[in-house]
Amino acid sequence: PDDGLKKTLTGADIVVIPAGIPRKPGM
């Protein structure tokens, strides 16, 4: 909410992206 992603990224020099669901058994 409230442009959280934009606030996070403003002025960034390096962005690391681990976002997403983890791997599960059989996947």
PDB file of all heavy atoms in Angstrom:
ATOM      1  N   PRO A   1       0.807  -1.226   0.000  1.00  0.00           N
ATOM      2  CA  PRO A   1       0.000   0.000   0.000  1.00  0.00           C
ATOM      3  C   PRO A   1       0.843   1.280   0.000  1.00  0.00           C
ATOM      4  O   PRO A   1       2.006   1.279   0.408  1.00  0.00           O
ATOM      5  CB  PRO A   1      -0.814  -0.119   1.291  1.00  0.00           C
ATOM      6  CG  PRO A   1      -0.846  -1.578   1.600  1.00  0.00           C
ATOM      7  CD  PRO A   1       0.485  -2.102   1.141  1.00  0.00           C
ATOM      8  N   ASP A   2       0.214   2.360  -0.464  1.00  0.00           N
ATOM      9  CA  ASP A   2       0.830   3.694  -0.449  1.00  0.00           C
ATOM     10  C   ASP A   2       2.135   3.747  -1.236  1.00  0.00           C
ATOM     11  O   ASP A   2       3.136   4.303  -0.784  1.00  0.00           O
ATOM     12  CB  ASP A   2       1.077   4.161   0.996  1.00  0.00           C
ATOM     13  CG  ASP A   2      -0.204   4.218   1.803  1.00  0.00           C
ATOM     14  OD1 ASP A   2      -1.230   4.651   1.252  1.00  0.00           O
ATOM     15  OD2 ASP A   2      -0.171   3.802   2.975  1.00  0.00           O
ATOM     16  N   ASP A   3       2.143   3.133  -2.427  1.00  0.00           N
ATOM     17  CA  ASP A   3       3.326   3.162  -3.297  1.00  0.00           C
ATOM     18  C   ASP A   3       4.556   2.586  -2.611  1.00  0.00           C
ATOM     19  O   ASP A   3       5.669   3.090  -2.783  1.00  0.00           O
ATOM     20  CB  ASP A   3       3.623   4.590  -3.769  1.00  0.00           C
ATOM     21  CG  ASP A   3       2.706   5.039  -4.892  1.00  0.00           C
ATOM     22  OD1 ASP A   3       2.252   4.167  -5.675  1.00  0.00           O
ATOM     23  OD2 ASP A   3       2.433   6.245  -4.982  1.00  0.00           O
ATOM     24  N   GLY A   4       4.361   1.510  -1.849  1.00  0.00           N
ATOM     25  CA  GLY A   4       5.473   0.916  -1.109  1.00  0.00           C
ATOM     26  C   GLY A   4       6.615   0.474  -1.993  1.00  0.00           C
ATOM     27  O   GLY A   4       7.792   0.679  -1.655  1.00  0.00           O
ATOM     28  N   LEU A   5       6.305  -0.113  -3.162  1.00  0.00           N
ATOM     29  CA  LEU A   5       7.370  -0.575  -4.048  1.00  0.00           C
ATOM     30  C   LEU A   5       8.182   0.595  -4.588  1.00  0.00           C
ATOM     31  O   LEU A   5       9.417   0.548  -4.623  1.00  0.00           O
ATOM     32  CB  LEU A   5       6.769  -1.389  -5.205  1.00  0.00           C
ATOM     33  CG  LEU A   5       7.779  -1.968  -6.202  1.00  0.00           C
ATOM     34  CD1 LEU A   5       8.789  -2.872  -5.516  1.00  0.00           C
ATOM     35  CD2 LEU A   5       7.038  -2.727  -7.319  1.00  0.00           C
ATOM     36  N   LYS A   6       7.488   1.649  -4.975  1.00  0.00           N
ATOM     37  CA  LYS A   6       8.191   2.827  -5.498  1.00  0.00           C
ATOM     38  C   LYS A   6       9.071   3.457  -4.420  1.00  0.00           C
ATOM     39  O   LYS A   6      10.223   3.839  -4.686  1.00  0.00           O
ATOM     40  CB  LYS A   6       7.183   3.859  -6.010  1.00  0.00           C
ATOM     41  CG  LYS A   6       7.823   5.092  -6.630  1.00  0.00           C
ATOM     42  CD  LYS A   6       6.776   6.034  -7.205  1.00  0.00           C
ATOM     43  CE  LYS A   6       7.446   7.242  -7.852  1.00  0.00           C
ATOM     44  NZ  LYS A   6       6.431   8.182  -8.430  1.00  0.00           N
ATOM     45  N   LYS A   7       8.573   3.544  -3.206  1.00  0.00           N
ATOM     46  CA  LYS A   7       9.367   4.112  -2.101  1.00  0.00           C
ATOM     47  C   LYS A   7      10.595   3.250  -1.827  1.00  0.00           C
ATOM     48  O   LYS A   7      11.684   3.762  -1.553  1.00  0.00           O
ATOM     49  CB  LYS A   7       8.512   4.222  -0.840  1.00  0.00           C
ATOM     50  CG  LYS A   7       7.421   5.271  -0.927  1.00  0.00           C
ATOM     51  CD  LYS A   7       6.528   5.235   0.307  1.00  0.00           C
ATOM     52  CE  LYS A   7       5.401   6.253   0.203  1.00  0.00           C
ATOM     53  NZ  LYS A   7       4.459   6.156   1.356  1.00  0.00           N
ATOM     54  N   THR A   8      10.417   1.950  -1.908  1.00  0.00           N
ATOM     55  CA  THR A   8      11.539   1.043  -1.667  1.00  0.00           C
ATOM     56  C   THR A   8      12.632   1.226  -2.706  1.00  0.00           C
ATOM     57  O   THR A   8      13.821   1.259  -2.379  1.00  0.00           O
ATOM     58  CB  THR A   8      11.048  -0.425  -1.721  1.00  0.00           C
ATOM     59  OG1 THR A   8       9.959  -0.610  -0.828  1.00  0.00           O
ATOM     60  CG2 THR A   8      12.172  -1.382  -1.337  1.00  0.00           C
ATOM     61  N   LEU A   9      12.229   1.374  -3.961  1.00  0.00           N
ATOM     62  CA  LEU A   9      13.187   1.367  -5.068  1.00  0.00           C
ATOM     63  C   LEU A   9      13.812   2.724  -5.363  1.00  0.00           C
ATOM     64  O   LEU A   9      14.861   2.794  -6.016  1.00  0.00           O
ATOM     65  CB  LEU A   9      12.494   0.858  -6.334  1.00  0.00           C
ATOM     66  CG  LEU A   9      12.109  -0.627  -6.341  1.00  0.00           C
ATOM     67  CD1 LEU A   9      11.199  -0.931  -7.516  1.00  0.00           C
ATOM     68  CD2 LEU A   9      13.353  -1.502  -6.382  1.00  0.00           C
ATOM     69  N   THR A  10      13.213   3.798  -4.897  1.00  0.00           N
ATOM     70  CA  THR A  10      13.726   5.134  -5.223  1.00  0.00           C
ATOM     71  C   THR A  10      15.171   5.289  -4.748  1.00  0.00           C
ATOM     72  O   THR A  10      15.480   5.097  -3.582  1.00  0.00           O
ATOM     73  CB  THR A  10      12.839   6.216  -4.578  1.00  0.00           C
ATOM     74  OG1 THR A  10      11.513   6.122  -5.115  1.00  0.00           O
ATOM     75  CG2 THR A  10      13.394   7.600  -4.861  1.00  0.00           C
ATOM     76  N   GLY A  11      16.043   5.620  -5.685  1.00  0.00           N
ATOM     77  CA  GLY A  11      17.454   5.847  -5.362  1.00  0.00           C
ATOM     78  C   GLY A  11      18.287   4.595  -5.223  1.00  0.00           C
ATOM     79  O   GLY A  11      19.453   4.661  -4.798  1.00  0.00           O
ATOM     80  N   ALA A  12      17.753   3.437  -5.605  1.00  0.00           N
ATOM     81  CA  ALA A  12      18.480   2.177  -5.430  1.00  0.00           C
ATOM     82  C   ALA A  12      19.681   2.081  -6.362  1.00  0.00           C
ATOM     83  O   ALA A  12      19.620   2.455  -7.532  1.00  0.00           O
ATOM     84  CB  ALA A  12      17.549   0.997  -5.666  1.00  0.00           C
ATOM     85  N   ASP A  13      20.772   1.555  -5.824  1.00  0.00           N
ATOM     86  CA  ASP A  13      21.965   1.262  -6.624  1.00  0.00           C
ATOM     87  C   ASP A  13      22.022  -0.212  -7.010  1.00  0.00           C
ATOM     88  O   ASP A  13      22.520  -0.565  -8.079  1.00  0.00           O
ATOM     89  CB  ASP A  13      23.230   1.621  -5.836  1.00  0.00           C
ATOM     90  CG  ASP A  13      23.307   3.089  -5.513  1.00  0.00           C
ATOM     91  OD1 ASP A  13      23.436   3.889  -6.458  1.00  0.00           O
ATOM     92  OD2 ASP A  13      23.224   3.450  -4.317  1.00  0.00           O
ATOM     93  N   ILE A  14      21.541  -1.076  -6.123  1.00  0.00           N
ATOM     94  CA  ILE A  14      21.556  -2.507  -6.369  1.00  0.00           C
ATOM     95  C   ILE A  14      20.262  -3.102  -5.823  1.00  0.00           C
ATOM     96  O   ILE A  14      19.845  -2.777  -4.710  1.00  0.00           O
ATOM     97  CB  ILE A  14      22.796  -3.168  -5.725  1.00  0.00           C
ATOM     98  CG1 ILE A  14      22.775  -4.691  -5.928  1.00  0.00           C
ATOM     99  CG2 ILE A  14      22.935  -2.829  -4.255  1.00  0.00           C
ATOM    100  CD1 ILE A  14      24.066  -5.374  -5.472  1.00  0.00           C
ATOM    101  N   VAL A  15      19.604  -3.925  -6.635  1.00  0.00           N
ATOM    102  CA  VAL A  15      18.335  -4.540  -6.253  1.00  0.00           C
ATOM    103  C   VAL A  15      18.493  -6.055  -6.322  1.00  0.00           C
ATOM    104  O   VAL A  15      18.850  -6.600  -7.375  1.00  0.00           O
ATOM    105  CB  VAL A  15      17.187  -4.102  -7.184  1.00  0.00           C
ATOM    106  CG1 VAL A  15      15.880  -4.771  -6.763  1.00  0.00           C
ATOM    107  CG2 VAL A  15      17.043  -2.584  -7.183  1.00  0.00           C
ATOM    108  N   VAL A  16      18.221  -6.723  -5.212  1.00  0.00           N
ATOM    109  CA  VAL A  16      18.300  -8.183  -5.171  1.00  0.00           C
ATOM    110  C   VAL A  16      16.885  -8.722  -5.051  1.00  0.00           C
ATOM    111  O   VAL A  16      16.104  -8.272  -4.211  1.00  0.00           O
ATOM    112  CB  VAL A  16      19.158  -8.669  -3.984  1.00  0.00           C
ATOM    113  CG1 VAL A  16      19.435 -10.163  -4.112  1.00  0.00           C
ATOM    114  CG2 VAL A  16      20.465  -7.888  -3.898  1.00  0.00           C
ATOM    115  N   ILE A  17      16.537  -9.703  -5.897  1.00  0.00           N
ATOM    116  CA  ILE A  17      15.158 -10.203  -5.956  1.00  0.00           C
ATOM    117  C   ILE A  17      15.091 -11.685  -5.575  1.00  0.00           C
ATOM    118  O   ILE A  17      15.279 -12.557  -6.430  1.00  0.00           O
ATOM    119  CB  ILE A  17      14.555 -10.027  -7.362  1.00  0.00           C
ATOM    120  CG1 ILE A  17      14.780  -8.606  -7.899  1.00  0.00           C
ATOM    121  CG2 ILE A  17      13.061 -10.345  -7.342  1.00  0.00           C
ATOM    122  CD1 ILE A  17      14.253  -8.392  -9.307  1.00  0.00           C
ATOM    123  N   PRO A  18      14.781 -11.985  -4.306  1.00  0.00           N
ATOM    124  CA  PRO A  18      14.515 -13.366  -3.920  1.00  0.00           C
ATOM    125  C   PRO A  18      13.020 -13.668  -3.835  1.00  0.00           C
ATOM    126  O   PRO A  18      12.630 -14.745  -3.362  1.00  0.00           O
ATOM    127  CB  PRO A  18      15.163 -13.450  -2.536  1.00  0.00           C
ATOM    128  CG  PRO A  18      14.956 -12.086  -1.959  1.00  0.00           C
ATOM    129  CD  PRO A  18      14.997 -11.111  -3.130  1.00  0.00           C
ATOM    130  N   ALA A  19      12.173 -12.756  -4.259  1.00  0.00           N
ATOM    131  CA  ALA A  19      10.721 -12.900  -4.093  1.00  0.00           C
ATOM    132  C   ALA A  19      10.180 -14.105  -4.841  1.00  0.00           C
ATOM    133  O   ALA A  19      10.695 -14.500  -5.889  1.00  0.00           O
ATOM    134  CB  ALA A  19      10.022 -11.634  -4.593  1.00  0.00           C
ATOM    135  N   GLY A  20       9.127 -14.691  -4.290  1.00  0.00           N
ATOM    136  CA  GLY A  20       8.468 -15.816  -4.930  1.00  0.00           C
ATOM    137  C   GLY A  20       8.214 -16.931  -3.943  1.00  0.00           C
ATOM    138  O   GLY A  20       8.665 -16.884  -2.796  1.00  0.00           O
ATOM    139  N   ILE A  21       7.503 -17.947  -4.397  1.00  0.00           N
ATOM    140  CA  ILE A  21       7.238 -19.080  -3.513  1.00  0.00           C
ATOM    141  C   ILE A  21       8.425 -20.030  -3.538  1.00  0.00           C
ATOM    142  O   ILE A  21       9.145 -20.113  -4.528  1.00  0.00           O
ATOM    143  CB  ILE A  21       5.957 -19.834  -3.915  1.00  0.00           C
ATOM    144  CG1 ILE A  21       6.125 -20.524  -5.282  1.00  0.00           C
ATOM    145  CG2 ILE A  21       4.760 -18.911  -3.931  1.00  0.00           C
ATOM    146  CD1 ILE A  21       5.084 -21.582  -5.568  1.00  0.00           C
ATOM    147  N   PRO A  22       8.661 -20.760  -2.450  1.00  0.00           N
ATOM    148  CA  PRO A  22       9.763 -21.727  -2.428  1.00  0.00           C
ATOM    149  C   PRO A  22       9.384 -23.011  -3.148  1.00  0.00           C
ATOM    150  O   PRO A  22       8.203 -23.294  -3.380  1.00  0.00           O
ATOM    151  CB  PRO A  22       9.958 -21.982  -0.935  1.00  0.00           C
ATOM    152  CG  PRO A  22       8.606 -21.789  -0.349  1.00  0.00           C
ATOM    153  CD  PRO A  22       7.989 -20.666  -1.152  1.00  0.00           C
ATOM    154  N   ARG A  23      10.394 -23.772  -3.492  1.00  0.00           N
ATOM    155  CA  ARG A  23      10.168 -25.069  -4.121  1.00  0.00           C
ATOM    156  C   ARG A  23       9.686 -26.068  -3.082  1.00  0.00           C
ATOM    157  O   ARG A  23      10.192 -26.109  -1.969  1.00  0.00           O
ATOM    158  CB  ARG A  23      11.470 -25.551  -4.768  1.00  0.00           C
ATOM    159  CG  ARG A  23      11.282 -26.661  -5.772  1.00  0.00           C
ATOM    160  CD  ARG A  23      12.415 -26.649  -6.798  1.00  0.00           C
ATOM    161  NE  ARG A  23      13.709 -26.742  -6.161  1.00  0.00           N
ATOM    162  CZ  ARG A  23      14.485 -27.826  -6.216  1.00  0.00           C
ATOM    163  NH1 ARG A  23      14.060 -28.895  -6.833  1.00  0.00           N
ATOM    164  NH2 ARG A  23      15.667 -27.822  -5.656  1.00  0.00           N
ATOM    165  N   LYS A  24       8.714 -26.902  -3.456  1.00  0.00           N
ATOM    166  CA  LYS A  24       8.148 -27.896  -2.553  1.00  0.00           C
ATOM    167  C   LYS A  24       8.470 -29.303  -3.065  1.00  0.00           C
ATOM    168  O   LYS A  24       8.898 -29.470  -4.207  1.00  0.00           O
ATOM    169  CB  LYS A  24       6.632 -27.686  -2.449  1.00  0.00           C
ATOM    170  CG  LYS A  24       6.266 -26.322  -1.872  1.00  0.00           C
ATOM    171  CD  LYS A  24       4.762 -26.090  -1.856  1.00  0.00           C
ATOM    172  CE  LYS A  24       4.430 -24.704  -1.303  1.00  0.00           C
ATOM    173  NZ  LYS A  24       2.978 -24.425  -1.328  1.00  0.00           N
ATOM    174  N   PRO A  25       8.276 -30.329  -2.232  1.00  0.00           N
ATOM    175  CA  PRO A  25       8.593 -31.700  -2.664  1.00  0.00           C
ATOM    176  C   PRO A  25       7.908 -32.053  -3.973  1.00  0.00           C
ATOM    177  O   PRO A  25       6.714 -31.795  -4.163  1.00  0.00           O
ATOM    178  CB  PRO A  25       8.057 -32.558  -1.508  1.00  0.00           C
ATOM    179  CG  PRO A  25       8.126 -31.660  -0.317  1.00  0.00           C
ATOM    180  CD  PRO A  25       7.813 -30.291  -0.825  1.00  0.00           C
ATOM    181  N   GLY A  26       8.674 -32.631  -4.893  1.00  0.00           N
ATOM    182  CA  GLY A  26       8.132 -33.018  -6.178  1.00  0.00           C
ATOM    183  C   GLY A  26       8.031 -31.899  -7.182  1.00  0.00           C
ATOM    184  O   GLY A  26       7.663 -32.108  -8.334  1.00  0.00           O
ATOM    185  N   MET A  27       8.385 -30.695  -6.768  1.00  0.00           N
ATOM    186  CA  MET A  27       8.288 -29.522  -7.641  1.00  0.00           C
ATOM    187  C   MET A  27       9.664 -29.182  -8.194  1.00  0.00           C
ATOM    188  O   MET A  27      10.625 -29.039  -7.449  1.00  0.00           O
ATOM    189  CB  MET A  27       7.742 -28.329  -6.846  1.00  0.00           C
ATOM    190  CG  MET A  27       7.609 -27.050  -7.658  1.00  0.00           C
ATOM    191  SD  MET A  27       7.082 -25.634  -6.643  1.00  0.00           S
ATOM    192  CE  MET A  27       5.367 -26.047  -6.379  1.00  0.00           C
TER     193      MET A  27
END
